[in-house]
Amino acid sequence: MRRPALLLFILISTFLLSYIYLQEILNLDKLKEHITFLKIWVNEEIYISRILFFTLYVIFSGLSFPVVPTILTIAAGALFGIVEGVIIVSFASTVGACICFLLSRYLLKDFINNKFEKTKVIIDNKFRKNGIYYLLSLRLIPTISFALINLIMGVLPISFFRFYYISQLGMLPATVIYVNAGSEISKVNSINDIMSLTLIISFLLVATLPILIKFSINYFTKLNNI
């Protein structure tokens, strides 16, 4: 099986598994229904529960399962509280993003380079100049697909280390909001209740800051060189 076909197989498999099977198990209603039992278990099995939760989060996010990581983020707030929940999810989601990033880099990059050689050179040159600002902006918008960003970045010229720390920083605000919502899970009736229109607009405005900063730096640098 060729590399791009293998990646496509993984993405389709996780999508189908999530919507056909996992949505019946890992959804908001089931979480609220079993939250009391889960809290008791988490308090009794302090280390095992956290290691298991972290591992599951990394697997589901790393293999790009849709919806499931969002439910787990809410669950983190309900089970571990805001501070501990944010710490666990922040690191688990970033590690998962890095797995997806590496899968894309290994399975997709050569194919893209060969098929779109000329276009790829132009995109790479522009991305090297402003890439980290674009990534940070994209991460600050929670409505953009988590998996899509990871897959795209895997074929672009950004180092693994930069991808890691920018992703962790950029995903942190949305993580705090979802974990905080989970800490008051009785008030959450739908995932859509968490992200109001006003909040989404606020994220969009914040997401423009890295790009504005970059353009400002370039502008004042040019002025100083005149």
Protein backbone atom coordinates (compact mmCIF):
# COMPACT_ATOMS: atom_id res chain seq x y z
CA MET A 1 0.00 0.00 0.00
CA ARG A 2 1.42 3.37 -1.01
CA ARG A 3 2.00 5.92 1.72
CA PRO A 4 -0.78 8.41 0.77
CA ALA A 5 -3.24 5.51 0.46
CA LEU A 6 -2.24 4.29 3.93
CA LEU A 7 -2.85 7.74 5.42
CA LEU A 8 -6.22 7.94 3.64
CA PHE A 9 -7.11 4.51 5.00
CA ILE A 10 -6.27 5.62 8.56
CA LEU A 11 -8.36 8.80 8.28
CA ILE A 12 -11.38 7.05 6.76
CA SER A 13 -11.18 4.23 9.32
CA THR A 14 -11.06 6.61 12.28
CA PHE A 15 -13.93 8.66 10.85
CA LEU A 16 -16.15 5.62 10.34
CA LEU A 17 -15.23 4.08 13.70
CA SER A 18 -16.00 7.35 15.46
CA TYR A 19 -19.39 7.96 13.86
CA ILE A 20 -20.61 4.36 13.66
CA TYR A 21 -19.44 3.07 17.02
CA LEU A 22 -17.69 5.53 19.33
CA GLN A 23 -20.37 8.23 19.16
CA GLU A 24 -22.68 5.80 20.96
CA ILE A 25 -20.16 5.42 23.79
CA LEU A 26 -18.23 8.67 23.97
CA ASN A 27 -20.76 11.46 23.80
CA LEU A 28 -21.90 14.25 26.10
CA ASP A 29 -25.07 12.47 27.27
CA LYS A 30 -23.19 9.30 28.23
CA LEU A 31 -20.55 11.36 30.03
CA LYS A 32 -23.18 13.19 32.09
CA GLU A 33 -25.00 9.92 32.79
CA HIS A 34 -21.89 8.20 34.21
CA ILE A 35 -20.06 11.20 35.66
CA THR A 36 -20.66 10.27 39.31
CA PHE A 37 -19.23 6.77 38.85
CA LEU A 38 -16.29 8.13 36.85
CA LYS A 39 -15.46 10.70 39.53
CA ILE A 40 -15.43 7.99 42.21
CA TRP A 41 -13.13 5.82 40.07
CA VAL A 42 -10.79 8.73 39.29
CA ASN A 43 -10.49 9.56 43.00
CA GLU A 44 -9.82 5.92 43.90
CA GLU A 45 -7.38 5.18 41.08
CA ILE A 46 -5.42 8.42 41.11
CA TYR A 47 -2.47 7.38 38.95
CA ILE A 48 -4.04 4.75 36.69
CA SER A 49 -6.97 6.99 35.78
CA ARG A 50 -4.76 9.87 34.72
CA ILE A 51 -2.32 7.71 32.76
CA LEU A 52 -5.20 5.95 31.00
CA PHE A 53 -6.97 9.23 30.21
CA PHE A 54 -3.76 10.80 28.87
CA THR A 55 -3.01 7.73 26.72
CA LEU A 56 -6.52 7.56 25.26
CA TYR A 57 -6.46 11.28 24.49
CA VAL A 58 -3.13 10.96 22.66
CA ILE A 59 -4.42 7.99 20.61
CA PHE A 60 -7.72 9.61 19.65
CA SER A 61 -6.19 12.96 18.76
CA GLY A 62 -3.10 11.47 17.12
CA LEU A 63 -5.18 9.30 14.80
CA SER A 64 -7.53 12.21 14.07
CA PHE A 65 -10.74 10.80 15.52
CA PRO A 66 -13.46 13.43 15.00
CA VAL A 67 -15.43 14.81 18.01
CA VAL A 68 -13.94 12.36 20.55
CA PRO A 69 -11.07 14.65 21.70
CA THR A 70 -13.60 17.44 22.33
CA ILE A 71 -15.68 15.14 24.55
CA LEU A 72 -12.53 14.06 26.38
CA THR A 73 -11.54 17.70 26.93
CA ILE A 74 -14.90 18.38 28.55
CA ALA A 75 -14.52 15.18 30.56
CA ALA A 76 -11.12 16.35 31.83
CA GLY A 77 -12.73 19.39 33.44
CA ALA A 78 -15.49 17.30 34.99
CA LEU A 79 -13.14 14.62 36.34
CA PHE A 80 -9.92 16.44 37.23
CA GLY A 81 -10.92 20.08 37.73
CA ILE A 82 -9.77 23.10 35.78
CA VAL A 83 -6.05 23.27 36.62
CA GLU A 84 -5.23 19.57 36.39
CA GLY A 85 -7.60 19.11 33.46
CA VAL A 86 -5.95 21.88 31.45
CA ILE A 87 -2.46 20.48 32.13
CA ILE A 88 -3.42 16.94 31.09
CA VAL A 89 -5.30 18.00 27.96
CA SER A 90 -2.72 20.59 26.91
CA PHE A 91 0.10 18.06 26.83
CA ALA A 92 -1.99 15.13 25.55
CA SER A 93 -3.51 17.15 22.69
CA THR A 94 -0.10 18.49 21.67
CA VAL A 95 1.49 15.04 21.71
CA GLY A 96 -1.46 13.77 19.65
CA ALA A 97 -1.03 16.64 17.20
CA CYS A 98 2.64 15.75 16.84
CA ILE A 99 1.78 12.12 16.04
CA CYS A 100 -0.59 13.26 13.29
CA PHE A 101 2.05 15.74 12.09
CA LEU A 102 4.68 12.98 11.86
CA LEU A 103 2.28 10.63 10.06
CA SER A 104 1.66 13.33 7.48
CA ARG A 105 5.37 14.08 7.13
CA TYR A 106 6.26 10.42 6.66
CA LEU A 107 3.31 9.29 4.55
CA LEU A 108 2.41 12.39 2.55
CA LYS A 109 5.36 14.75 2.14
CA ASP A 110 7.19 12.89 -0.66
CA PHE A 111 3.95 12.49 -2.61
CA ILE A 112 3.19 16.24 -2.39
CA ASN A 113 6.76 17.18 -3.30
CA ASN A 114 6.67 14.98 -6.40
CA LYS A 115 3.17 15.87 -7.60
CA PHE A 116 3.26 19.61 -6.95
CA GLU A 117 6.96 20.37 -7.18
CA LYS A 118 6.82 23.93 -8.59
CA THR A 119 3.89 25.07 -6.47
CA LYS A 120 5.42 23.49 -3.38
CA VAL A 121 8.65 25.45 -3.80
CA ILE A 122 6.75 28.77 -3.90
CA ILE A 123 4.62 27.86 -0.87
CA ASP A 124 7.67 26.65 1.08
CA ASN A 125 9.57 29.89 0.47
CA LYS A 126 6.68 32.00 1.73
CA PHE A 127 6.02 29.70 4.67
CA ARG A 128 9.64 29.85 5.84
CA LYS A 129 9.27 33.61 6.30
CA ASN A 130 5.94 33.71 8.13
CA GLY A 131 5.09 30.08 8.87
CA ILE A 132 5.15 30.15 12.65
CA TYR A 133 2.78 33.14 12.68
CA TYR A 134 0.34 31.36 10.35
CA LEU A 135 0.42 28.23 12.51
CA LEU A 136 -0.19 30.21 15.69
CA SER A 137 -3.11 32.05 14.08
CA LEU A 138 -4.68 28.79 12.90
CA ARG A 139 -4.28 27.19 16.32
CA LEU A 140 -6.05 30.12 17.96
CA ILE A 141 -9.21 29.44 15.93
CA PRO A 142 -10.94 26.44 17.54
CA THR A 143 -13.44 26.04 14.68
CA ILE A 144 -10.70 25.01 12.21
CA SER A 145 -10.14 21.26 12.02
CA PHE A 146 -7.45 20.09 14.45
CA ALA A 147 -6.48 17.19 12.16
CA LEU A 148 -6.40 19.30 9.00
CA ILE A 149 -3.86 21.72 10.49
CA ASN A 150 -1.65 18.82 11.61
CA LEU A 151 -1.77 17.17 8.19
CA ILE A 152 -1.00 20.39 6.30
CA MET A 153 1.86 21.35 8.59
CA GLY A 154 3.40 17.92 8.13
CA VAL A 155 4.20 18.69 4.48
CA LEU A 156 5.42 22.25 5.11
CA PRO A 157 8.93 23.33 6.15
CA ILE A 158 8.51 23.65 9.91
CA SER A 159 10.62 21.83 12.48
CA PHE A 160 9.07 19.32 14.86
CA PHE A 161 10.12 21.39 17.90
CA ARG A 162 8.54 24.59 16.57
CA PHE A 163 5.38 22.74 15.63
CA TYR A 164 5.19 21.35 19.16
CA TYR A 165 5.57 24.52 21.20
CA ILE A 166 3.49 26.73 18.89
CA SER A 167 0.70 24.14 18.87
CA GLN A 168 0.69 23.87 22.64
CA LEU A 169 0.60 27.64 23.02
CA GLY A 170 -2.04 28.19 20.34
CA MET A 171 -4.43 25.46 21.52
CA LEU A 172 -4.26 26.53 25.17
CA PRO A 173 -7.06 29.18 25.14
CA ALA A 174 -9.64 26.82 23.64
CA THR A 175 -8.48 24.05 25.98
CA VAL A 176 -9.11 26.30 29.00
CA ILE A 177 -12.61 27.14 27.76
CA TYR A 178 -13.66 23.53 27.13
CA VAL A 179 -12.12 22.24 30.36
CA ASN A 180 -13.80 25.04 32.30
CA ALA A 181 -17.13 24.09 30.69
CA GLY A 182 -16.53 20.50 31.77
CA SER A 183 -16.01 21.60 35.37
CA GLU A 184 -19.66 22.74 35.28
CA ILE A 185 -20.87 19.90 33.09
CA SER A 186 -24.42 19.94 34.48
CA LYS A 187 -24.93 23.28 32.68
CA VAL A 188 -23.70 21.98 29.32
CA ASN A 189 -26.44 20.49 27.16
CA SER A 190 -24.56 20.56 23.86
CA ILE A 191 -21.03 21.09 22.62
CA ASN A 192 -22.34 24.05 20.65
CA ASP A 193 -23.36 25.70 23.95
CA ILE A 194 -19.68 26.13 24.82
CA MET A 195 -18.69 28.20 21.81
CA SER A 196 -21.04 31.15 21.44
CA LEU A 197 -20.91 33.43 18.42
CA THR A 198 -19.35 36.19 20.51
CA LEU A 199 -16.65 33.83 21.76
CA ILE A 200 -15.86 32.60 18.25
CA ILE A 201 -15.55 36.20 17.00
CA SER A 202 -13.23 36.93 19.92
CA PHE A 203 -11.03 33.98 18.95
CA LEU A 204 -10.94 35.19 15.35
CA LEU A 205 -9.82 38.64 16.45
CA VAL A 206 -7.12 37.20 18.70
CA ALA A 207 -5.99 34.92 15.85
CA THR A 208 -5.20 37.94 13.69
CA LEU A 209 -2.67 39.26 16.22
CA PRO A 210 0.29 37.04 15.23
CA ILE A 211 -0.09 38.04 11.57
CA LEU A 212 -0.45 41.72 12.47
CA ILE A 213 2.65 41.51 14.66
CA LYS A 214 4.62 39.92 11.83
CA PHE A 215 3.56 42.55 9.30
CA SER A 216 4.32 45.30 11.81
CA ILE A 217 7.82 43.92 12.35
CA ASN A 218 8.41 43.76 8.59
CA TYR A 219 7.06 47.28 8.10
CA PHE A 220 9.22 48.91 10.77
CA THR A 221 12.25 46.91 9.64
CA LYS A 222 11.84 48.31 6.12
CA LEU A 223 11.46 51.85 7.51
CA ASN A 224 14.68 51.53 9.48
CA ASN A 225 16.52 50.31 6.39
CA ILE A 226 15.39 53.28 4.26
